[in-house]
ModelCIF file with pLDDT and N, C-alpha, C, O atoms, coordinates in Angstrom:
data_MODEL
#
_entry.id   MODEL 
#
_entity.id                         1 
_entity.type                       polymer 
_entity.pdbx_number_of_molecules   1 
#
_entity_poly.entity_id                      1 
_entity_poly.type                           'polypeptide(L)' 
_entity_poly.nstd_linkage                   no 
_entity_poly.nstd_monomer                   no 
_entity_poly.pdbx_seq_one_letter_code       YRFGTDEYLDHPYFSKETAVFLAKMGISIIAVDFMNVDSTKLEQWQ 
_entity_poly.pdbx_seq_one_letter_code_can   YRFGTDEYLDHPYFSKETAVFLAKMGISIIAVDFMNVDSTKLEQWQ 
_entity_poly.pdbx_strand_id                 A 
#
loop_
_entity_poly_seq.entity_id 
_entity_poly_seq.num 
_entity_poly_seq.mon_id 
_entity_poly_seq.hetero 
1 1  TYR n 
1 2  ARG n 
1 3  PHE n 
1 4  GLY n 
1 5  THR n 
1 6  ASP n 
1 7  GLU n 
1 8  TYR n 
1 9  LEU n 
1 10 ASP n 
1 11 HIS n 
1 12 PRO n 
1 13 TYR n 
1 14 PHE n 
1 15 SER n 
1 16 LYS n 
1 17 GLU n 
1 18 THR n 
1 19 ALA n 
1 20 VAL n 
1 21 PHE n 
1 22 LEU n 
1 23 ALA n 
1 24 LYS n 
1 25 MET n 
1 26 GLY n 
1 27 ILE n 
1 28 SER n 
1 29 ILE n 
1 30 ILE n 
1 31 ALA n 
1 32 VAL n 
1 33 ASP n 
1 34 PHE n 
1 35 MET n 
1 36 ASN n 
1 37 VAL n 
1 38 ASP n 
1 39 SER n 
1 40 THR n 
1 41 LYS n 
1 42 LEU n 
1 43 GLU n 
1 44 GLN n 
1 45 TRP n 
1 46 GLN n 
#
_struct_asym.id          A 
_struct_asym.entity_id   1 
#
loop_
_ma_qa_metric.id 
_ma_qa_metric.mode 
_ma_qa_metric.name 
_ma_qa_metric.software_group_id 
_ma_qa_metric.type 
1 global pLDDT . pLDDT 
2 local  pLDDT . pLDDT 
#
_ma_qa_metric_global.metric_id      1 
_ma_qa_metric_global.metric_value   96.98 
_ma_qa_metric_global.model_id       1 
_ma_qa_metric_global.ordinal_id     1 
#
loop_
_ma_qa_metric_local.label_asym_id 
_ma_qa_metric_local.label_comp_id 
_ma_qa_metric_local.label_seq_id 
_ma_qa_metric_local.metric_id 
_ma_qa_metric_local.metric_value 
_ma_qa_metric_local.model_id 
_ma_qa_metric_local.ordinal_id 
A TYR 1  2 97.00 1 1  
A ARG 2  2 98.00 1 2  
A PHE 3  2 98.00 1 3  
A GLY 4  2 97.00 1 4  
A THR 5  2 98.00 1 5  
A ASP 6  2 97.00 1 6  
A GLU 7  2 97.00 1 7  
A TYR 8  2 98.00 1 8  
A LEU 9  2 97.00 1 9  
A ASP 10 2 97.00 1 10 
A HIS 11 2 98.00 1 11 
A PRO 12 2 98.00 1 12 
A TYR 13 2 98.00 1 13 
A PHE 14 2 98.00 1 14 
A SER 15 2 98.00 1 15 
A LYS 16 2 98.00 1 16 
A GLU 17 2 98.00 1 17 
A THR 18 2 98.00 1 18 
A ALA 19 2 98.00 1 19 
A VAL 20 2 98.00 1 20 
A PHE 21 2 98.00 1 21 
A LEU 22 2 98.00 1 22 
A ALA 23 2 98.00 1 23 
A LYS 24 2 97.00 1 24 
A MET 25 2 97.00 1 25 
A GLY 26 2 97.00 1 26 
A ILE 27 2 98.00 1 27 
A SER 28 2 98.00 1 28 
A ILE 29 2 98.00 1 29 
A ILE 30 2 98.00 1 30 
A ALA 31 2 98.00 1 31 
A VAL 32 2 98.00 1 32 
A ASP 33 2 98.00 1 33 
A PHE 34 2 98.00 1 34 
A MET 35 2 98.00 1 35 
A ASN 36 2 98.00 1 36 
A VAL 37 2 98.00 1 37 
A ASP 38 2 98.00 1 38 
A SER 39 2 97.00 1 39 
A THR 40 2 97.00 1 40 
A LYS 41 2 94.00 1 41 
A LEU 42 2 93.00 1 42 
A GLU 43 2 84.00 1 43 
A GLN 44 2 89.00 1 44 
A TRP 45 2 96.00 1 45 
A GLN 46 2 96.00 1 46 
#
loop_
_atom_site.group_PDB 
_atom_site.id 
_atom_site.type_symbol 
_atom_site.label_atom_id 
_atom_site.label_alt_id 
_atom_site.label_comp_id 
_atom_site.label_asym_id 
_atom_site.label_entity_id 
_atom_site.label_seq_id 
_atom_site.pdbx_PDB_ins_code 
_atom_site.Cartn_x 
_atom_site.Cartn_y 
_atom_site.Cartn_z 
_atom_site.occupancy 
_atom_site.B_iso_or_equiv 
_atom_site.pdbx_formal_charge 
_atom_site.auth_seq_id 
_atom_site.auth_comp_id 
_atom_site.auth_asym_id 
_atom_site.auth_atom_id 
_atom_site.pdbx_PDB_model_num 
ATOM 1   N N  . TYR A 1 1  ? 101.890 81.705  108.275 1.00 97.00 ? 1  TYR A N  1 
ATOM 2   C CA . TYR A 1 1  ? 102.046 80.439  107.556 1.00 97.00 ? 1  TYR A CA 1 
ATOM 3   C C  . TYR A 1 1  ? 103.506 79.992  107.515 1.00 97.00 ? 1  TYR A C  1 
ATOM 4   O O  . TYR A 1 1  ? 103.790 78.805  107.360 1.00 97.00 ? 1  TYR A O  1 
ATOM 5   N N  . ARG A 1 2  ? 104.426 80.936  107.654 1.00 98.00 ? 2  ARG A N  1 
ATOM 6   C CA . ARG A 1 2  ? 105.856 80.621  107.589 1.00 98.00 ? 2  ARG A CA 1 
ATOM 7   C C  . ARG A 1 2  ? 106.467 80.347  108.959 1.00 98.00 ? 2  ARG A C  1 
ATOM 8   O O  . ARG A 1 2  ? 107.665 80.080  109.064 1.00 98.00 ? 2  ARG A O  1 
ATOM 9   N N  . PHE A 1 3  ? 105.651 80.412  110.005 1.00 98.00 ? 3  PHE A N  1 
ATOM 10  C CA . PHE A 1 3  ? 106.150 80.203  111.368 1.00 98.00 ? 3  PHE A CA 1 
ATOM 11  C C  . PHE A 1 3  ? 106.880 78.863  111.467 1.00 98.00 ? 3  PHE A C  1 
ATOM 12  O O  . PHE A 1 3  ? 106.368 77.832  111.032 1.00 98.00 ? 3  PHE A O  1 
ATOM 13  N N  . GLY A 1 4  ? 108.076 78.894  112.043 1.00 97.00 ? 4  GLY A N  1 
ATOM 14  C CA . GLY A 1 4  ? 108.886 77.688  112.167 1.00 97.00 ? 4  GLY A CA 1 
ATOM 15  C C  . GLY A 1 4  ? 109.883 77.493  111.040 1.00 97.00 ? 4  GLY A C  1 
ATOM 16  O O  . GLY A 1 4  ? 110.643 76.525  111.051 1.00 97.00 ? 4  GLY A O  1 
ATOM 17  N N  . THR A 1 5  ? 109.894 78.402  110.058 1.00 98.00 ? 5  THR A N  1 
ATOM 18  C CA . THR A 1 5  ? 110.829 78.313  108.934 1.00 98.00 ? 5  THR A CA 1 
ATOM 19  C C  . THR A 1 5  ? 111.748 79.531  108.924 1.00 98.00 ? 5  THR A C  1 
ATOM 20  O O  . THR A 1 5  ? 111.466 80.530  109.586 1.00 98.00 ? 5  THR A O  1 
ATOM 21  N N  . ASP A 1 6  ? 112.841 79.451  108.180 1.00 97.00 ? 6  ASP A N  1 
ATOM 22  C CA . ASP A 1 6  ? 113.756 80.584  108.054 1.00 97.00 ? 6  ASP A CA 1 
ATOM 23  C C  . ASP A 1 6  ? 113.082 81.784  107.393 1.00 97.00 ? 6  ASP A C  1 
ATOM 24  O O  . ASP A 1 6  ? 113.430 82.931  107.675 1.00 97.00 ? 6  ASP A O  1 
ATOM 25  N N  . GLU A 1 7  ? 112.117 81.515  106.513 1.00 97.00 ? 7  GLU A N  1 
ATOM 26  C CA . GLU A 1 7  ? 111.395 82.603  105.833 1.00 97.00 ? 7  GLU A CA 1 
ATOM 27  C C  . GLU A 1 7  ? 110.685 83.518  106.822 1.00 97.00 ? 7  GLU A C  1 
ATOM 28  O O  . GLU A 1 7  ? 110.513 84.709  106.565 1.00 97.00 ? 7  GLU A O  1 
ATOM 29  N N  . TYR A 1 8  ? 110.279 82.959  107.939 1.00 98.00 ? 8  TYR A N  1 
ATOM 30  C CA . TYR A 1 8  ? 109.523 83.726  108.920 1.00 98.00 ? 8  TYR A CA 1 
ATOM 31  C C  . TYR A 1 8  ? 110.325 84.908  109.464 1.00 98.00 ? 8  TYR A C  1 
ATOM 32  O O  . TYR A 1 8  ? 109.752 85.911  109.890 1.00 98.00 ? 8  TYR A O  1 
ATOM 33  N N  . LEU A 1 9  ? 111.649 84.783  109.448 1.00 97.00 ? 9  LEU A N  1 
ATOM 34  C CA . LEU A 1 9  ? 112.514 85.829  109.992 1.00 97.00 ? 9  LEU A CA 1 
ATOM 35  C C  . LEU A 1 9  ? 112.597 87.056  109.093 1.00 97.00 ? 9  LEU A C  1 
ATOM 36  O O  . LEU A 1 9  ? 112.977 88.133  109.553 1.00 97.00 ? 9  LEU A O  1 
ATOM 37  N N  . ASP A 1 10 ? 112.248 86.909  107.819 1.00 97.00 ? 10 ASP A N  1 
ATOM 38  C CA . ASP A 1 10 ? 112.362 88.014  106.858 1.00 97.00 ? 10 ASP A CA 1 
ATOM 39  C C  . ASP A 1 10 ? 110.973 88.585  106.570 1.00 97.00 ? 10 ASP A C  1 
ATOM 40  O O  . ASP A 1 10 ? 110.496 88.550  105.435 1.00 97.00 ? 10 ASP A O  1 
ATOM 41  N N  . HIS A 1 11 ? 110.355 89.094  107.582 1.00 98.00 ? 11 HIS A N  1 
ATOM 42  C CA . HIS A 1 11 ? 108.957 89.531  107.538 1.00 98.00 ? 11 HIS A CA 1 
ATOM 43  C C  . HIS A 1 11 ? 108.852 91.026  107.226 1.00 98.00 ? 11 HIS A C  1 
ATOM 44  O O  . HIS A 1 11 ? 109.852 91.741  107.292 1.00 98.00 ? 11 HIS A O  1 
ATOM 45  N N  . PRO A 1 12 ? 107.664 91.500  106.890 1.00 98.00 ? 12 PRO A N  1 
ATOM 46  C CA . PRO A 1 12 ? 107.450 92.954  106.818 1.00 98.00 ? 12 PRO A CA 1 
ATOM 47  C C  . PRO A 1 12 ? 107.654 93.580  108.197 1.00 98.00 ? 12 PRO A C  1 
ATOM 48  O O  . PRO A 1 12 ? 107.617 92.884  109.212 1.00 98.00 ? 12 PRO A O  1 
ATOM 49  N N  . TYR A 1 13 ? 107.869 94.890  108.227 1.00 98.00 ? 13 TYR A N  1 
ATOM 50  C CA . TYR A 1 13 ? 108.077 95.578  109.506 1.00 98.00 ? 13 TYR A CA 1 
ATOM 51  C C  . TYR A 1 13 ? 107.718 97.049  109.356 1.00 98.00 ? 13 TYR A C  1 
ATOM 52  O O  . TYR A 1 13 ? 107.590 97.558  108.242 1.00 98.00 ? 13 TYR A O  1 
ATOM 53  N N  . PHE A 1 14 ? 107.557 97.725  110.483 1.00 98.00 ? 14 PHE A N  1 
ATOM 54  C CA . PHE A 1 14 ? 107.128 99.118  110.495 1.00 98.00 ? 14 PHE A CA 1 
ATOM 55  C C  . PHE A 1 14 ? 108.304 100.084 110.364 1.00 98.00 ? 14 PHE A C  1 
ATOM 56  O O  . PHE A 1 14 ? 109.372 99.865  110.936 1.00 98.00 ? 14 PHE A O  1 
ATOM 57  N N  . SER A 1 15 ? 108.090 101.143 109.608 1.00 98.00 ? 15 SER A N  1 
ATOM 58  C CA . SER A 1 15 ? 109.012 102.267 109.675 1.00 98.00 ? 15 SER A CA 1 
ATOM 59  C C  . SER A 1 15 ? 108.722 103.045 110.955 1.00 98.00 ? 15 SER A C  1 
ATOM 60  O O  . SER A 1 15 ? 107.648 102.912 111.542 1.00 98.00 ? 15 SER A O  1 
ATOM 61  N N  . LYS A 1 16 ? 109.684 103.854 111.382 1.00 98.00 ? 16 LYS A N  1 
ATOM 62  C CA . LYS A 1 16 ? 109.470 104.707 112.552 1.00 98.00 ? 16 LYS A CA 1 
ATOM 63  C C  . LYS A 1 16 ? 108.290 105.641 112.308 1.00 98.00 ? 16 LYS A C  1 
ATOM 64  O O  . LYS A 1 16 ? 107.485 105.879 113.208 1.00 98.00 ? 16 LYS A O  1 
ATOM 65  N N  . GLU A 1 17 ? 108.190 106.165 111.096 1.00 98.00 ? 17 GLU A N  1 
ATOM 66  C CA . GLU A 1 17 ? 107.115 107.099 110.764 1.00 98.00 ? 17 GLU A CA 1 
ATOM 67  C C  . GLU A 1 17 ? 105.736 106.446 110.894 1.00 98.00 ? 17 GLU A C  1 
ATOM 68  O O  . GLU A 1 17 ? 104.771 107.090 111.306 1.00 98.00 ? 17 GLU A O  1 
ATOM 69  N N  . THR A 1 18 ? 105.655 105.168 110.538 1.00 98.00 ? 18 THR A N  1 
ATOM 70  C CA . THR A 1 18 ? 104.378 104.464 110.643 1.00 98.00 ? 18 THR A CA 1 
ATOM 71  C C  . THR A 1 18 ? 104.002 104.240 112.103 1.00 98.00 ? 18 THR A C  1 
ATOM 72  O O  . THR A 1 18 ? 102.838 104.372 112.479 1.00 98.00 ? 18 THR A O  1 
ATOM 73  N N  . ALA A 1 19 ? 104.993 103.900 112.920 1.00 98.00 ? 19 ALA A N  1 
ATOM 74  C CA . ALA A 1 19 ? 104.733 103.739 114.352 1.00 98.00 ? 19 ALA A CA 1 
ATOM 75  C C  . ALA A 1 19 ? 104.242 105.049 114.961 1.00 98.00 ? 19 ALA A C  1 
ATOM 76  O O  . ALA A 1 19 ? 103.312 105.052 115.767 1.00 98.00 ? 19 ALA A O  1 
ATOM 77  N N  . VAL A 1 20 ? 104.865 106.158 114.579 1.00 98.00 ? 20 VAL A N  1 
ATOM 78  C CA . VAL A 1 20 ? 104.428 107.479 115.057 1.00 98.00 ? 20 VAL A CA 1 
ATOM 79  C C  . VAL A 1 20 ? 103.010 107.765 114.591 1.00 98.00 ? 20 VAL A C  1 
ATOM 80  O O  . VAL A 1 20 ? 102.181 108.245 115.365 1.00 98.00 ? 20 VAL A O  1 
ATOM 81  N N  . PHE A 1 21 ? 102.731 107.471 113.327 1.00 98.00 ? 21 PHE A N  1 
ATOM 82  C CA . PHE A 1 21 ? 101.415 107.693 112.731 1.00 98.00 ? 21 PHE A CA 1 
ATOM 83  C C  . PHE A 1 21 ? 100.325 106.975 113.532 1.00 98.00 ? 21 PHE A C  1 
ATOM 84  O O  . PHE A 1 21 ? 99.289  107.565 113.838 1.00 98.00 ? 21 PHE A O  1 
ATOM 85  N N  . LEU A 1 22 ? 100.559 105.709 113.870 1.00 98.00 ? 22 LEU A N  1 
ATOM 86  C CA . LEU A 1 22 ? 99.581  104.920 114.622 1.00 98.00 ? 22 LEU A CA 1 
ATOM 87  C C  . LEU A 1 22 ? 99.484  105.385 116.072 1.00 98.00 ? 22 LEU A C  1 
ATOM 88  O O  . LEU A 1 22 ? 98.387  105.489 116.622 1.00 98.00 ? 22 LEU A O  1 
ATOM 89  N N  . ALA A 1 23 ? 100.630 105.663 116.689 1.00 98.00 ? 23 ALA A N  1 
ATOM 90  C CA . ALA A 1 23 ? 100.620 106.101 118.086 1.00 98.00 ? 23 ALA A CA 1 
ATOM 91  C C  . ALA A 1 23 ? 99.857  107.407 118.252 1.00 98.00 ? 23 ALA A C  1 
ATOM 92  O O  . ALA A 1 23 ? 99.152  107.591 119.244 1.00 98.00 ? 23 ALA A O  1 
ATOM 93  N N  . LYS A 1 24 ? 99.992  108.312 117.294 1.00 97.00 ? 24 LYS A N  1 
ATOM 94  C CA . LYS A 1 24 ? 99.302  109.600 117.369 1.00 97.00 ? 24 LYS A CA 1 
ATOM 95  C C  . LYS A 1 24 ? 97.787  109.448 117.265 1.00 97.00 ? 24 LYS A C  1 
ATOM 96  O O  . LYS A 1 24 ? 97.043  110.334 117.687 1.00 97.00 ? 24 LYS A O  1 
ATOM 97  N N  . MET A 1 25 ? 97.333  108.340 116.710 1.00 97.00 ? 25 MET A N  1 
ATOM 98  C CA . MET A 1 25 ? 95.896  108.092 116.641 1.00 97.00 ? 25 MET A CA 1 
ATOM 99  C C  . MET A 1 25 ? 95.338  107.562 117.954 1.00 97.00 ? 25 MET A C  1 
ATOM 100 O O  . MET A 1 25 ? 94.129  107.377 118.095 1.00 97.00 ? 25 MET A O  1 
ATOM 101 N N  . GLY A 1 26 ? 96.229  107.319 118.917 1.00 97.00 ? 26 GLY A N  1 
ATOM 102 C CA . GLY A 1 26 ? 95.773  106.926 120.242 1.00 97.00 ? 26 GLY A CA 1 
ATOM 103 C C  . GLY A 1 26 ? 95.382  105.478 120.378 1.00 97.00 ? 26 GLY A C  1 
ATOM 104 O O  . GLY A 1 26 ? 94.563  105.134 121.231 1.00 97.00 ? 26 GLY A O  1 
ATOM 105 N N  . ILE A 1 27 ? 95.963  104.603 119.537 1.00 98.00 ? 27 ILE A N  1 
ATOM 106 C CA . ILE A 1 27 ? 95.630  103.185 119.663 1.00 98.00 ? 27 ILE A CA 1 
ATOM 107 C C  . ILE A 1 27 ? 96.208  102.634 120.970 1.00 98.00 ? 27 ILE A C  1 
ATOM 108 O O  . ILE A 1 27 ? 97.135  103.206 121.543 1.00 98.00 ? 27 ILE A O  1 
ATOM 109 N N  . SER A 1 28 ? 95.651  101.528 121.423 1.00 98.00 ? 28 SER A N  1 
ATOM 110 C CA . SER A 1 28 ? 96.056  100.941 122.698 1.00 98.00 ? 28 SER A CA 1 
ATOM 111 C C  . SER A 1 28 ? 97.015  99.771  122.525 1.00 98.00 ? 28 SER A C  1 
ATOM 112 O O  . SER A 1 28 ? 97.963  99.617  123.295 1.00 98.00 ? 28 SER A O  1 
ATOM 113 N N  . ILE A 1 29 ? 96.760  98.936  121.498 1.00 98.00 ? 29 ILE A N  1 
ATOM 114 C CA . ILE A 1 29 ? 97.603  97.769  121.219 1.00 98.00 ? 29 ILE A CA 1 
ATOM 115 C C  . ILE A 1 29 ? 97.777  97.635  119.712 1.00 98.00 ? 29 ILE A C  1 
ATOM 116 O O  . ILE A 1 29 ? 96.823  97.812  118.955 1.00 98.00 ? 29 ILE A O  1 
ATOM 117 N N  . ILE A 1 30 ? 98.989  97.326  119.282 1.00 98.00 ? 30 ILE A N  1 
ATOM 118 C CA . ILE A 1 30 ? 99.272  96.955  117.901 1.00 98.00 ? 30 ILE A CA 1 
ATOM 119 C C  . ILE A 1 30 ? 99.633  95.467  117.894 1.00 98.00 ? 30 ILE A C  1 
ATOM 120 O O  . ILE A 1 30 ? 100.478 95.030  118.676 1.00 98.00 ? 30 ILE A O  1 
ATOM 121 N N  . ALA A 1 31 ? 99.001  94.696  117.022 1.00 98.00 ? 31 ALA A N  1 
ATOM 122 C CA . ALA A 1 31 ? 99.235  93.250  116.954 1.00 98.00 ? 31 ALA A CA 1 
ATOM 123 C C  . ALA A 1 31 ? 99.637  92.874  115.532 1.00 98.00 ? 31 ALA A C  1 
ATOM 124 O O  . ALA A 1 31 ? 99.080  93.396  114.566 1.00 98.00 ? 31 ALA A O  1 
ATOM 125 N N  . VAL A 1 32 ? 100.603 91.970  115.406 1.00 98.00 ? 32 VAL A N  1 
ATOM 126 C CA . VAL A 1 32 ? 101.095 91.562  114.088 1.00 98.00 ? 32 VAL A CA 1 
ATOM 127 C C  . VAL A 1 32 ? 101.185 90.044  114.000 1.00 98.00 ? 32 VAL A C  1 
ATOM 128 O O  . VAL A 1 32 ? 101.413 89.356  114.996 1.00 98.00 ? 32 VAL A O  1 
ATOM 129 N N  . ASP A 1 33 ? 100.999 89.539  112.779 1.00 98.00 ? 33 ASP A N  1 
ATOM 130 C CA . ASP A 1 33 ? 101.063 88.086  112.567 1.00 98.00 ? 33 ASP A CA 1 
ATOM 131 C C  . ASP A 1 33 ? 102.441 87.662  112.073 1.00 98.00 ? 33 ASP A C  1 
ATOM 132 O O  . ASP A 1 33 ? 102.569 86.715  111.297 1.00 98.00 ? 33 ASP A O  1 
ATOM 133 N N  . PHE A 1 34 ? 103.465 88.370  112.528 1.00 98.00 ? 34 PHE A N  1 
ATOM 134 C CA . PHE A 1 34 ? 104.859 88.022  112.238 1.00 98.00 ? 34 PHE A CA 1 
ATOM 135 C C  . PHE A 1 34 ? 105.689 88.237  113.500 1.00 98.00 ? 34 PHE A C  1 
ATOM 136 O O  . PHE A 1 34 ? 105.137 88.571  114.548 1.00 98.00 ? 34 PHE A O  1 
ATOM 137 N N  . MET A 1 35 ? 106.993 88.052  113.414 1.00 98.00 ? 35 MET A N  1 
ATOM 138 C CA . MET A 1 35 ? 107.819 87.942  114.614 1.00 98.00 ? 35 MET A CA 1 
ATOM 139 C C  . MET A 1 35 ? 108.063 89.238  115.357 1.00 98.00 ? 35 MET A C  1 
ATOM 140 O O  . MET A 1 35 ? 108.260 89.213  116.572 1.00 98.00 ? 35 MET A O  1 
ATOM 141 N N  . ASN A 1 36 ? 108.058 90.385  114.663 1.00 98.00 ? 36 ASN A N  1 
ATOM 142 C CA . ASN A 1 36 ? 108.674 91.566  115.246 1.00 98.00 ? 36 ASN A CA 1 
ATOM 143 C C  . ASN A 1 36 ? 108.142 92.808  114.539 1.00 98.00 ? 36 ASN A C  1 
ATOM 144 O O  . ASN A 1 36 ? 108.087 92.834  113.310 1.00 98.00 ? 36 ASN A O  1 
ATOM 145 N N  . VAL A 1 37 ? 107.748 93.839  115.288 1.00 98.00 ? 37 VAL A N  1 
ATOM 146 C CA . VAL A 1 37 ? 107.312 95.078  114.627 1.00 98.00 ? 37 VAL A CA 1 
ATOM 147 C C  . VAL A 1 37 ? 108.487 95.792  113.961 1.00 98.00 ? 37 VAL A C  1 
ATOM 148 O O  . VAL A 1 37 ? 108.291 96.603  113.056 1.00 98.00 ? 37 VAL A O  1 
ATOM 149 N N  . ASP A 1 38 ? 109.710 95.491  114.410 1.00 98.00 ? 38 ASP A N  1 
ATOM 150 C CA . ASP A 1 38 ? 110.921 95.946  113.735 1.00 98.00 ? 38 ASP A CA 1 
ATOM 151 C C  . ASP A 1 38 ? 111.475 94.817  112.876 1.00 98.00 ? 38 ASP A C  1 
ATOM 152 O O  . ASP A 1 38 ? 110.991 93.687  112.940 1.00 98.00 ? 38 ASP A O  1 
ATOM 153 N N  . SER A 1 39 ? 112.482 95.122  112.080 1.00 97.00 ? 39 SER A N  1 
ATOM 154 C CA . SER A 1 39 ? 113.090 94.101  111.228 1.00 97.00 ? 39 SER A CA 1 
ATOM 155 C C  . SER A 1 39 ? 113.946 93.149  112.060 1.00 97.00 ? 39 SER A C  1 
ATOM 156 O O  . SER A 1 39 ? 114.875 93.575  112.747 1.00 97.00 ? 39 SER A O  1 
ATOM 157 N N  . THR A 1 40 ? 113.628 91.867  111.992 1.00 97.00 ? 40 THR A N  1 
ATOM 158 C CA . THR A 1 40 ? 114.448 90.864  112.680 1.00 97.00 ? 40 THR A CA 1 
ATOM 159 C C  . THR A 1 40 ? 115.779 90.695  111.974 1.00 97.00 ? 40 THR A C  1 
ATOM 160 O O  . THR A 1 40 ? 116.795 90.446  112.623 1.00 97.00 ? 40 THR A O  1 
ATOM 161 N N  . LYS A 1 41 ? 115.792 90.824  110.669 1.00 94.00 ? 41 LYS A N  1 
ATOM 162 C CA . LYS A 1 41 ? 117.029 90.668  109.899 1.00 94.00 ? 41 LYS A CA 1 
ATOM 163 C C  . LYS A 1 41 ? 118.008 91.815  110.175 1.00 94.00 ? 41 LYS A C  1 
ATOM 164 O O  . LYS A 1 41 ? 119.203 91.583  110.359 1.00 94.00 ? 41 LYS A O  1 
ATOM 165 N N  . LEU A 1 42 ? 117.499 93.049  110.204 1.00 93.00 ? 42 LEU A N  1 
ATOM 166 C CA . LEU A 1 42 ? 118.366 94.225  110.324 1.00 93.00 ? 42 LEU A CA 1 
ATOM 167 C C  . LEU A 1 42 ? 118.685 94.581  111.776 1.00 93.00 ? 42 LEU A C  1 
ATOM 168 O O  . LEU A 1 42 ? 119.686 95.243  112.050 1.00 93.00 ? 42 LEU A O  1 
ATOM 169 N N  . GLU A 1 43 ? 117.828 94.137  112.709 1.00 84.00 ? 43 GLU A N  1 
ATOM 170 C CA . GLU A 1 43 ? 117.978 94.474  114.133 1.00 84.00 ? 43 GLU A CA 1 
ATOM 171 C C  . GLU A 1 43 ? 118.144 95.982  114.328 1.00 84.00 ? 43 GLU A C  1 
ATOM 172 O O  . GLU A 1 43 ? 119.037 96.434  115.045 1.00 84.00 ? 43 GLU A O  1 
ATOM 173 N N  . GLN A 1 44 ? 117.271 96.747  113.680 1.00 89.00 ? 44 GLN A N  1 
ATOM 174 C CA . GLN A 1 44 ? 117.224 98.199  113.874 1.00 89.00 ? 44 GLN A CA 1 
ATOM 175 C C  . GLN A 1 44 ? 115.934 98.512  114.621 1.00 89.00 ? 44 GLN A C  1 
ATOM 176 O O  . GLN A 1 44 ? 114.836 98.300  114.105 1.00 89.00 ? 44 GLN A O  1 
ATOM 177 N N  . TRP A 1 45 ? 116.082 99.020  115.844 1.00 96.00 ? 45 TRP A N  1 
ATOM 178 C CA . TRP A 1 45 ? 114.936 99.167  116.731 1.00 96.00 ? 45 TRP A CA 1 
ATOM 179 C C  . TRP A 1 45 ? 114.352 100.568 116.606 1.00 96.00 ? 45 TRP A C  1 
ATOM 180 O O  . TRP A 1 45 ? 114.796 101.499 117.279 1.00 96.00 ? 45 TRP A O  1 
ATOM 181 N N  . GLN A 1 46 ? 113.359 100.709 115.745 1.00 96.00 ? 46 GLN A N  1 
ATOM 182 C CA . GLN A 1 46 ? 112.724 102.003 115.517 1.00 96.00 ? 46 GLN A CA 1 
ATOM 183 C C  . GLN A 1 46 ? 111.265 102.021 115.977 1.00 96.00 ? 46 GLN A C  1 
ATOM 184 O O  . GLN A 1 46 ? 110.591 103.043 115.852 1.00 96.00 ? 46 GLN A O  1 
#
């Protein structure tokens, strides 16, 4: 709903531990309704 606004950039994001948790379950694709699985504000690629 915030797409196209500055608010959209400050979205929820995954911790490294959560990414590991999901990957270990053998999923094929992760999809999100925000800009980035990592933090766009912090630019920390985990």
